[in-house]
């Protein structure tokens, strides 16, 4: 009788371990998020901008750094002005359209986000919590330079 009871306990323990192992495997096999899912998963705020590896955030107007960007899966989005506006007449938010280009390595937005910037960004990296973009910035009286802009959730 004790042998049957011992065998029963071993079988039950084996099934429990197998069940736990299967559920762990299922969790590890989930598909990675697409770039659209990563981009549209919350709002983005400016964190830093670099030119030649050096931070140039101090040279960007506060009214642009405090903007909040929201990308929607439908290819639209909103740029909220944040606490400060560059021009008191600016609306509190402005809609924009966006699209991936060149095998999702380029992000096109219908309106530039920064003075001297363009509507096209090269995607340096895109994760759950960070979006790093680069583009050529052209400011009056200065040669064009490549800027790397970091946004975070």
C-alpha atoms as a PDB file:
ATOM      1  CA  UNK A   1       0.000   0.000   0.000  1.00  0.00           C
ATOM      2  CA  UNK A   2       2.851   2.396   0.810  1.00  0.00           C
ATOM      3  CA  UNK A   3       4.432   1.697  -2.595  1.00  0.00           C
ATOM      4  CA  UNK A   4       1.192   2.710  -4.356  1.00  0.00           C
ATOM      5  CA  UNK A   5       0.923   5.852  -2.247  1.00  0.00           C
ATOM      6  CA  UNK A   6       4.576   6.753  -2.933  1.00  0.00           C
ATOM      7  CA  UNK A   7       4.096   6.118  -6.658  1.00  0.00           C
ATOM      8  CA  UNK A   8       0.960   8.291  -6.656  1.00  0.00           C
ATOM      9  CA  UNK A   9       2.865  11.176  -4.981  1.00  0.00           C
ATOM     10  CA  UNK A  10       5.681  10.935  -7.544  1.00  0.00           C
ATOM     11  CA  UNK A  11       3.214  10.968 -10.450  1.00  0.00           C
ATOM     12  CA  UNK A  12       1.350  13.997  -9.057  1.00  0.00           C
ATOM     13  CA  UNK A  13       4.624  15.877  -8.451  1.00  0.00           C
ATOM     14  CA  UNK A  14       5.794  15.024 -11.974  1.00  0.00           C
ATOM     15  CA  UNK A  15       2.581  16.365 -13.489  1.00  0.00           C
ATOM     16  CA  UNK A  16       2.850  19.570 -11.470  1.00  0.00           C
ATOM     17  CA  UNK A  17       6.431  20.173 -12.628  1.00  0.00           C
ATOM     18  CA  UNK A  18       5.461  19.438 -16.244  1.00  0.00           C
ATOM     19  CA  UNK A  19       2.535  21.861 -16.019  1.00  0.00           C
ATOM     20  CA  UNK A  20       4.714  24.630 -14.589  1.00  0.00           C
ATOM     21  CA  UNK A  21       7.381  24.027 -17.219  1.00  0.00           C
ATOM     22  CA  UNK A  22       4.832  24.175 -20.057  1.00  0.00           C
ATOM     23  CA  UNK A  23       3.367  27.448 -18.855  1.00  0.00           C
ATOM     24  CA  UNK A  24       6.845  28.987 -18.593  1.00  0.00           C
ATOM     25  CA  UNK A  25       7.650  27.861 -22.136  1.00  0.00           C
ATOM     26  CA  UNK A  26       4.416  29.415 -23.394  1.00  0.00           C
ATOM     27  CA  UNK A  27       5.367  32.762 -21.819  1.00  0.00           C
ATOM     28  CA  UNK A  28       8.828  32.713 -23.381  1.00  0.00           C
ATOM     29  CA  UNK A  29       7.464  31.976 -26.852  1.00  0.00           C
ATOM     30  CA  UNK A  30       5.282  35.083 -27.098  1.00  0.00           C
ATOM     31  CA  UNK A  31       5.918  37.050 -30.264  1.00  0.00           C
ATOM     32  CA  UNK A  32       7.999  40.209 -29.928  1.00  0.00           C
ATOM     33  CA  UNK A  33       6.066  43.445 -30.283  1.00  0.00           C
ATOM     34  CA  UNK A  34       5.989  45.083 -33.678  1.00  0.00           C
ATOM     35  CA  UNK A  35       7.413  48.561 -34.200  1.00  0.00           C
ATOM     36  CA  UNK A  36       3.862  49.877 -34.502  1.00  0.00           C
ATOM     37  CA  UNK A  37       2.962  48.333 -31.127  1.00  0.00           C
ATOM     38  CA  UNK A  38       6.082  49.792 -29.512  1.00  0.00           C
ATOM     39  CA  UNK A  39       5.527  53.251 -31.002  1.00  0.00           C
ATOM     40  CA  UNK A  40       1.837  53.432 -30.115  1.00  0.00           C
ATOM     41  CA  UNK A  41       2.173  52.055 -26.568  1.00  0.00           C
ATOM     42  CA  UNK A  42       1.829  55.327 -24.615  1.00  0.00           C
ATOM     43  CA  UNK A  43       3.016  58.899 -24.920  1.00  0.00           C
ATOM     44  CA  UNK A  44       6.563  60.033 -25.670  1.00  0.00           C
ATOM     45  CA  UNK A  45       8.439  62.944 -24.128  1.00  0.00           C
ATOM     46  CA  UNK A  46      11.772  64.510 -25.039  1.00  0.00           C
ATOM     47  CA  UNK A  47      14.713  63.224 -23.014  1.00  0.00           C
ATOM     48  CA  UNK A  48      17.877  64.394 -24.794  1.00  0.00           C
ATOM     49  CA  UNK A  49      19.359  65.495 -28.109  1.00  0.00           C
ATOM     50  CA  UNK A  50      22.943  64.953 -29.186  1.00  0.00           C
ATOM     51  CA  UNK A  51      25.093  66.220 -32.012  1.00  0.00           C
ATOM     52  CA  UNK A  52      28.458  64.549 -32.433  1.00  0.00           C
ATOM     53  CA  UNK A  53      27.884  62.611 -29.221  1.00  0.00           C
ATOM     54  CA  UNK A  54      27.474  65.798 -27.144  1.00  0.00           C
ATOM     55  CA  UNK A  55      24.177  66.819 -25.561  1.00  0.00           C
ATOM     56  CA  UNK A  56      22.628  69.894 -27.158  1.00  0.00           C
ATOM     57  CA  UNK A  57      19.421  69.760 -25.109  1.00  0.00           C
ATOM     58  CA  UNK A  58      20.261  73.129 -23.546  1.00  0.00           C
ATOM     59  CA  UNK A  59      19.988  74.733 -26.987  1.00  0.00           C
ATOM     60  CA  UNK A  60      16.477  73.421 -27.667  1.00  0.00           C
ATOM     61  CA  UNK A  61      13.652  75.679 -26.616  1.00  0.00           C
ATOM     62  CA  UNK A  62      11.789  74.563 -23.489  1.00  0.00           C
ATOM     63  CA  UNK A  63       8.532  74.995 -25.373  1.00  0.00           C
ATOM     64  CA  UNK A  64       9.628  72.175 -27.717  1.00  0.00           C
ATOM     65  CA  UNK A  65      11.205  69.922 -25.089  1.00  0.00           C
ATOM     66  CA  UNK A  66       8.030  69.694 -22.986  1.00  0.00           C
ATOM     67  CA  UNK A  67       5.809  68.548 -25.859  1.00  0.00           C
ATOM     68  CA  UNK A  68       4.070  65.194 -25.499  1.00  0.00           C
ATOM     69  CA  UNK A  69       3.796  63.022 -28.611  1.00  0.00           C
ATOM     70  CA  UNK A  70       1.101  60.394 -29.026  1.00  0.00           C
ATOM     71  CA  UNK A  71       1.223  57.987 -31.964  1.00  0.00           C
ATOM     72  CA  UNK A  72      -1.941  56.030 -32.803  1.00  0.00           C
ATOM     73  CA  UNK A  73      -1.975  52.742 -34.698  1.00  0.00           C
ATOM     74  CA  UNK A  74      -4.128  54.247 -37.454  1.00  0.00           C
ATOM     75  CA  UNK A  75      -1.178  56.391 -38.616  1.00  0.00           C
ATOM     76  CA  UNK A  76      -2.280  59.556 -36.871  1.00  0.00           C
ATOM     77  CA  UNK A  77      -1.013  61.279 -33.761  1.00  0.00           C
ATOM     78  CA  UNK A  78      -1.093  64.342 -31.574  1.00  0.00           C
ATOM     79  CA  UNK A  79       1.612  66.738 -30.434  1.00  0.00           C
ATOM     80  CA  UNK A  80       0.490  68.322 -27.157  1.00  0.00           C
ATOM     81  CA  UNK A  81       2.194  71.611 -26.319  1.00  0.00           C
ATOM     82  CA  UNK A  82       2.974  70.729 -22.707  1.00  0.00           C
ATOM     83  CA  UNK A  83       3.295  73.393 -20.017  1.00  0.00           C
ATOM     84  CA  UNK A  84       4.917  76.035 -22.238  1.00  0.00           C
ATOM     85  CA  UNK A  85       4.054  77.258 -25.706  1.00  0.00           C
ATOM     86  CA  UNK A  86       6.511  78.750 -28.186  1.00  0.00           C
ATOM     87  CA  UNK A  87       3.832  81.192 -29.293  1.00  0.00           C
ATOM     88  CA  UNK A  88       0.851  82.051 -27.056  1.00  0.00           C
ATOM     89  CA  UNK A  89      -1.384  81.708 -30.126  1.00  0.00           C
ATOM     90  CA  UNK A  90      -0.349  78.083 -30.701  1.00  0.00           C
ATOM     91  CA  UNK A  91      -3.107  75.516 -30.147  1.00  0.00           C
ATOM     92  CA  UNK A  92      -2.813  73.227 -27.108  1.00  0.00           C
ATOM     93  CA  UNK A  93      -2.373  70.270 -29.426  1.00  0.00           C
ATOM     94  CA  UNK A  94      -1.801  69.653 -33.100  1.00  0.00           C
ATOM     95  CA  UNK A  95      -2.624  66.524 -35.078  1.00  0.00           C
ATOM     96  CA  UNK A  96      -0.101  64.846 -37.346  1.00  0.00           C
ATOM     97  CA  UNK A  97       0.089  61.818 -39.593  1.00  0.00           C
ATOM     98  CA  UNK A  98       2.901  59.288 -39.413  1.00  0.00           C
ATOM     99  CA  UNK A  99       4.129  56.277 -41.365  1.00  0.00           C
ATOM    100  CA  UNK A 100       7.055  53.911 -41.407  1.00  0.00           C
ATOM    101  CA  UNK A 101       9.169  53.937 -44.543  1.00  0.00           C
ATOM    102  CA  UNK A 102      12.098  51.903 -45.886  1.00  0.00           C
ATOM    103  CA  UNK A 103      11.295  48.604 -44.122  1.00  0.00           C
ATOM    104  CA  UNK A 104      10.382  50.405 -40.881  1.00  0.00           C
ATOM    105  CA  UNK A 105      13.821  52.022 -40.546  1.00  0.00           C
ATOM    106  CA  UNK A 106      12.496  55.528 -41.248  1.00  0.00           C
ATOM    107  CA  UNK A 107       9.682  57.379 -39.484  1.00  0.00           C
ATOM    108  CA  UNK A 108       7.839  60.022 -41.496  1.00  0.00           C
ATOM    109  CA  UNK A 109       5.686  62.587 -39.666  1.00  0.00           C
ATOM    110  CA  UNK A 110       3.601  65.189 -41.453  1.00  0.00           C
ATOM    111  CA  UNK A 111       5.008  68.072 -39.413  1.00  0.00           C
ATOM    112  CA  UNK A 112       8.521  68.713 -38.047  1.00  0.00           C
ATOM    113  CA  UNK A 113       8.788  68.338 -34.268  1.00  0.00           C
ATOM    114  CA  UNK A 114      11.753  70.738 -33.846  1.00  0.00           C
ATOM    115  CA  UNK A 115      12.906  74.043 -35.313  1.00  0.00           C
ATOM    116  CA  UNK A 116      15.249  73.354 -38.217  1.00  0.00           C
ATOM    117  CA  UNK A 117      14.177  69.720 -38.396  1.00  0.00           C
ATOM    118  CA  UNK A 118      12.433  67.847 -41.140  1.00  0.00           C
ATOM    119  CA  UNK A 119       9.548  65.405 -41.319  1.00  0.00           C
ATOM    120  CA  UNK A 120      11.771  62.359 -41.791  1.00  0.00           C
ATOM    121  CA  UNK A 121      13.637  60.579 -38.988  1.00  0.00           C
ATOM    122  CA  UNK A 122      15.934  57.574 -39.141  1.00  0.00           C
ATOM    123  CA  UNK A 123      15.001  55.127 -36.366  1.00  0.00           C
ATOM    124  CA  UNK A 124      18.139  54.445 -34.318  1.00  0.00           C
ATOM    125  CA  UNK A 125      16.298  52.290 -31.758  1.00  0.00           C
ATOM    126  CA  UNK A 126      12.770  51.639 -30.548  1.00  0.00           C
ATOM    127  CA  UNK A 127      12.052  49.739 -27.328  1.00  0.00           C
ATOM    128  CA  UNK A 128       9.235  49.509 -24.775  1.00  0.00           C
ATOM    129  CA  UNK A 129      10.500  52.643 -23.019  1.00  0.00           C
ATOM    130  CA  UNK A 130      12.763  54.543 -25.425  1.00  0.00           C
ATOM    131  CA  UNK A 131      12.591  55.951 -28.943  1.00  0.00           C
ATOM    132  CA  UNK A 132      15.831  57.225 -30.479  1.00  0.00           C
ATOM    133  CA  UNK A 133      15.618  59.044 -33.810  1.00  0.00           C
ATOM    134  CA  UNK A 134      18.154  60.889 -35.921  1.00  0.00           C
ATOM    135  CA  UNK A 135      17.823  63.526 -38.608  1.00  0.00           C
ATOM    136  CA  UNK A 136      19.720  66.334 -40.230  1.00  0.00           C
ATOM    137  CA  UNK A 137      19.011  69.678 -38.579  1.00  0.00           C
ATOM    138  CA  UNK A 138      19.535  72.920 -40.516  1.00  0.00           C
ATOM    139  CA  UNK A 139      19.692  76.077 -38.432  1.00  0.00           C
ATOM    140  CA  UNK A 140      20.263  79.563 -39.834  1.00  0.00           C
ATOM    141  CA  UNK A 141      23.958  80.456 -39.944  1.00  0.00           C
ATOM    142  CA  UNK A 142      25.150  76.932 -39.123  1.00  0.00           C
ATOM    143  CA  UNK A 143      26.056  74.000 -41.354  1.00  0.00           C
ATOM    144  CA  UNK A 144      23.593  71.087 -41.398  1.00  0.00           C
ATOM    145  CA  UNK A 145      24.263  68.607 -38.594  1.00  0.00           C
ATOM    146  CA  UNK A 146      22.945  65.181 -37.699  1.00  0.00           C
ATOM    147  CA  UNK A 147      21.055  65.218 -34.414  1.00  0.00           C
ATOM    148  CA  UNK A 148      20.073  62.160 -32.394  1.00  0.00           C
ATOM    149  CA  UNK A 149      16.916  62.767 -30.380  1.00  0.00           C
ATOM    150  CA  UNK A 150      15.798  60.517 -27.527  1.00  0.00           C
ATOM    151  CA  UNK A 151      12.212  60.261 -26.330  1.00  0.00           C
ATOM    152  CA  UNK A 152      11.012  58.225 -23.353  1.00  0.00           C
ATOM    153  CA  UNK A 153       7.701  57.065 -21.873  1.00  0.00           C
END
